[in-house]
Amino acid sequence: MNRMAESAPTPRWLHNAATMSRYMQRNIKRMLAYSSVAHAGYLLVGMVAGGIDGGSAVLFYLIGYAFMTLGAFAVVIALGRRGQPNENLDDYAGVGFRSPFLGAAMAVFMLSLSGIPPLAGFVGKFYIFSAAVKSGYTGLAIIGVLNSVVSVYYYVGVLVRMYMTEGTVQVTAPSSRPYLFATLLLTVTGTVLLGLFPSSLFEVARQSFLALH
């Protein structure tokens, strides 16, 4: 019998897409905040899938998402100034050329949040959707993939503005703020390494999940 649980989350996924469309237009911080709703949906897919694979995938994705989101917010902080937060999409125009490091870091985080390989976000979603398919929730996995595809438009839109338009916002070198610079280095490295070499951490996640049982 077809799993009835597949159909229940569907309105939530559609709501996620509508929410992103309405609120993720102009403000970067708001985009990141509202996109967390969609990423919570991916975690729910893993929970619905259940089992060792689903639980391990959820733990892996939580770690990857922590790197991606912390790093993206670090870029937002780096571009802000006292009395001038520079959180609107227009404020990111040309940043990729005026601050290559911040531009490259934001590109890593946006592409990873989009689920583009070979970064942590892609691998995390792969594990989650694979667990869902293995548990018989193929329809739920397909909805998750479609939701992820829709999100690419918003994340890549940030990169288009950073690299394909000119801007005038002054950018302070991130190296002048050591703790922020270290945070960016750590999160970029984690996001890339989790995508390139996921097996070790996934095994740790698996063992951790088994330990909970």
Protein backbone atom coordinates (compact mmCIF):
# COMPACT_ATOMS: atom_id res chain seq x y z
CA MET A 1 0.00 0.00 0.00
CA ASN A 2 1.27 3.45 -0.84
CA ARG A 3 2.47 5.32 2.21
CA MET A 4 -0.07 7.95 3.21
CA ALA A 5 2.67 9.91 4.97
CA GLU A 6 4.03 10.89 1.57
CA SER A 7 1.08 13.12 0.82
CA ALA A 8 0.88 14.84 4.21
CA PRO A 9 4.05 16.98 3.97
CA THR A 10 3.28 18.18 0.42
CA PRO A 11 1.37 21.37 1.40
CA ARG A 12 4.25 22.27 3.70
CA TRP A 13 6.71 22.05 0.84
CA LEU A 14 4.49 24.19 -1.35
CA HIS A 15 4.18 26.66 1.50
CA ASN A 16 7.97 26.73 1.74
CA ALA A 17 8.28 27.70 -1.92
CA ALA A 18 5.65 30.41 -1.54
CA THR A 19 7.33 31.73 1.58
CA MET A 20 10.70 31.92 -0.14
CA SER A 21 9.18 33.64 -3.15
CA ARG A 22 7.50 36.29 -1.03
CA TYR A 23 10.20 37.08 1.51
CA MET A 24 13.56 36.22 -0.08
CA GLN A 25 13.54 38.94 -2.72
CA ARG A 26 15.67 41.82 -1.48
CA ASN A 27 17.15 41.22 1.98
CA ILE A 28 19.98 38.72 2.43
CA LYS A 29 19.48 38.18 6.15
CA ARG A 30 15.77 37.63 5.63
CA MET A 31 16.53 35.21 2.82
CA LEU A 32 18.75 33.14 5.08
CA ALA A 33 16.20 33.21 7.89
CA TYR A 34 13.27 32.11 5.76
CA SER A 35 15.30 29.53 3.89
CA SER A 36 15.80 27.78 7.22
CA VAL A 37 12.14 26.72 6.92
CA ALA A 38 12.95 24.78 3.76
CA HIS A 39 16.05 23.23 5.30
CA ALA A 40 14.01 22.17 8.32
CA GLY A 41 11.78 20.44 5.77
CA TYR A 42 14.74 18.44 4.48
CA LEU A 43 15.50 17.32 8.03
CA LEU A 44 11.89 16.25 8.44
CA VAL A 45 12.24 14.08 5.33
CA GLY A 46 15.09 12.25 7.05
CA MET A 47 13.04 11.88 10.21
CA VAL A 48 10.09 10.51 8.27
CA ALA A 49 12.40 8.06 6.50
CA GLY A 50 13.60 6.87 9.89
CA GLY A 51 15.97 4.02 10.51
CA ILE A 52 19.73 4.19 10.73
CA ASP A 53 20.10 5.78 7.30
CA GLY A 54 17.54 8.49 7.98
CA GLY A 55 18.89 9.33 11.43
CA SER A 56 22.51 9.39 10.21
CA ALA A 57 21.54 11.62 7.27
CA VAL A 58 19.82 14.08 9.61
CA LEU A 59 22.89 14.35 11.84
CA PHE A 60 25.17 14.80 8.83
CA TYR A 61 22.93 17.48 7.34
CA LEU A 62 22.75 19.37 10.65
CA ILE A 63 26.54 19.65 10.74
CA GLY A 64 26.77 20.71 7.10
CA TYR A 65 23.94 23.22 7.49
CA ALA A 66 25.67 24.71 10.54
CA PHE A 67 28.80 25.38 8.47
CA MET A 68 26.86 26.83 5.53
CA THR A 69 24.59 29.10 7.53
CA LEU A 70 27.19 30.31 10.03
CA GLY A 71 29.50 31.14 7.14
CA ALA A 72 26.80 32.99 5.18
CA PHE A 73 25.87 35.09 8.20
CA ALA A 74 29.57 35.78 8.77
CA VAL A 75 29.74 37.27 5.27
CA VAL A 76 26.70 39.40 6.04
CA ILE A 77 28.42 40.67 9.19
CA ALA A 78 31.66 41.30 7.28
CA LEU A 79 29.87 43.49 4.75
CA GLY A 80 28.00 45.46 7.40
CA ARG A 81 29.23 48.65 9.01
CA ARG A 82 28.11 50.61 12.05
CA GLY A 83 24.83 52.27 11.16
CA GLN A 84 24.93 50.69 7.71
CA PRO A 85 24.09 46.97 7.79
CA ASN A 86 24.24 46.53 3.99
CA GLU A 87 21.78 43.63 4.04
CA ASN A 88 19.88 44.39 0.83
CA LEU A 89 20.64 42.48 -2.33
CA ASP A 90 21.67 45.71 -4.08
CA ASP A 91 24.39 46.21 -1.47
CA TYR A 92 26.09 43.04 -2.70
CA ALA A 93 26.56 44.36 -6.22
CA GLY A 94 30.16 43.95 -7.33
CA VAL A 95 31.36 42.55 -3.99
CA GLY A 96 32.89 39.57 -5.75
CA PHE A 97 35.41 41.88 -7.41
CA ARG A 98 35.96 44.39 -4.60
CA SER A 99 36.55 41.62 -2.05
CA PRO A 100 37.47 38.36 -3.82
CA PHE A 101 37.71 36.41 -0.56
CA LEU A 102 34.24 37.39 0.65
CA GLY A 103 32.85 36.81 -2.83
CA ALA A 104 34.37 33.33 -3.05
CA ALA A 105 33.22 32.45 0.46
CA MET A 106 29.64 33.57 -0.23
CA ALA A 107 29.70 31.61 -3.50
CA VAL A 108 30.63 28.45 -1.59
CA PHE A 109 27.84 28.95 0.93
CA MET A 110 25.15 29.87 -1.60
CA LEU A 111 26.01 26.98 -3.91
CA SER A 112 26.10 24.57 -0.99
CA LEU A 113 22.73 25.77 0.32
CA SER A 114 21.41 25.29 -3.22
CA GLY A 115 22.58 21.69 -3.19
CA ILE A 116 25.21 22.07 -5.90
CA PRO A 117 27.97 19.41 -5.90
CA PRO A 118 30.55 18.79 -4.67
CA LEU A 119 29.69 20.72 -1.49
CA ALA A 120 28.23 19.75 1.88
CA GLY A 121 24.67 20.76 1.01
CA PHE A 122 24.54 18.44 -1.98
CA VAL A 123 25.88 15.44 -0.09
CA GLY A 124 23.58 16.07 2.86
CA LYS A 125 20.51 16.24 0.65
CA PHE A 126 21.68 13.15 -1.24
CA TYR A 127 21.88 11.16 1.98
CA ILE A 128 18.47 12.38 3.13
CA PHE A 129 16.65 11.76 -0.14
CA SER A 130 18.36 8.38 -0.55
CA ALA A 131 17.14 7.36 2.90
CA ALA A 132 13.62 8.48 1.97
CA VAL A 133 13.64 6.45 -1.26
CA LYS A 134 15.05 3.43 0.55
CA SER A 135 12.24 3.65 3.10
CA GLY A 136 9.60 3.88 0.39
CA TYR A 137 8.95 7.62 0.49
CA THR A 138 9.89 8.23 -3.13
CA GLY A 139 7.23 10.88 -3.67
CA LEU A 140 8.44 12.83 -0.64
CA ALA A 141 12.00 12.67 -1.94
CA ILE A 142 10.89 13.98 -5.34
CA ILE A 143 9.07 16.90 -3.71
CA GLY A 144 12.23 17.65 -1.73
CA VAL A 145 14.34 17.66 -4.88
CA LEU A 146 11.91 20.00 -6.64
CA ASN A 147 11.91 22.33 -3.65
CA SER A 148 15.70 22.36 -3.76
CA VAL A 149 15.68 23.18 -7.47
CA VAL A 150 13.37 26.15 -6.86
CA SER A 151 15.72 27.48 -4.17
CA VAL A 152 18.61 27.65 -6.66
CA TYR A 153 17.01 30.73 -8.23
CA TYR A 154 17.28 32.71 -5.00
CA TYR A 155 20.74 31.60 -3.92
CA VAL A 156 22.33 31.98 -7.33
CA GLY A 157 20.64 35.38 -7.62
CA VAL A 158 22.98 36.59 -4.87
CA LEU A 159 26.00 35.47 -6.87
CA VAL A 160 24.68 37.11 -10.04
CA ARG A 161 24.46 40.39 -8.16
CA MET A 162 27.93 39.96 -6.67
CA TYR A 163 29.70 39.14 -9.93
CA MET A 164 27.62 40.56 -12.75
CA THR A 165 26.63 44.02 -11.53
CA GLU A 166 28.57 47.03 -10.35
CA GLY A 167 28.23 48.50 -6.89
CA THR A 168 29.61 51.24 -4.68
CA VAL A 169 29.37 49.84 -1.14
CA GLN A 170 32.74 50.04 0.57
CA VAL A 171 34.05 46.67 1.76
CA THR A 172 36.40 46.33 4.72
CA ALA A 173 39.04 43.64 4.39
CA PRO A 174 37.92 40.64 6.48
CA SER A 175 41.51 40.10 7.62
CA SER A 176 41.18 43.27 9.71
CA ARG A 177 38.72 41.35 11.95
CA PRO A 178 40.66 38.22 12.99
CA TYR A 179 37.83 36.30 14.68
CA LEU A 180 35.47 36.90 11.78
CA PHE A 181 38.18 35.97 9.30
CA ALA A 182 38.89 32.73 11.22
CA THR A 183 35.17 31.91 11.23
CA LEU A 184 34.99 32.36 7.48
CA LEU A 185 38.03 30.16 6.91
CA LEU A 186 36.65 27.44 9.17
CA THR A 187 33.19 27.41 7.64
CA VAL A 188 34.42 27.50 4.04
CA THR A 189 36.84 24.66 4.76
CA GLY A 190 34.16 22.61 6.51
CA THR A 191 31.62 23.15 3.73
CA VAL A 192 34.07 22.06 1.05
CA LEU A 193 35.61 19.12 2.92
CA LEU A 194 32.23 17.69 3.91
CA GLY A 195 31.32 17.70 0.24
CA LEU A 196 34.57 16.18 -0.99
CA PHE A 197 35.14 13.66 1.80
CA PRO A 198 31.78 12.90 3.40
CA SER A 199 32.28 9.23 4.23
CA SER A 200 34.20 9.67 7.47
CA LEU A 201 31.76 12.14 9.00
CA PHE A 202 28.78 10.12 7.83
CA GLU A 203 30.22 7.09 9.58
CA VAL A 204 30.64 9.17 12.73
CA ALA A 205 27.02 10.29 12.38
CA ARG A 206 25.95 6.68 11.93
CA GLN A 207 27.83 5.53 15.04
CA SER A 208 26.45 8.46 17.02
CA PHE A 209 22.90 7.60 15.98
CA LEU A 210 23.44 3.95 16.92
CA ALA A 211 24.80 5.05 20.30
CA LEU A 212 21.51 6.85 20.98
CA HIS A 213 19.75 3.52 20.63
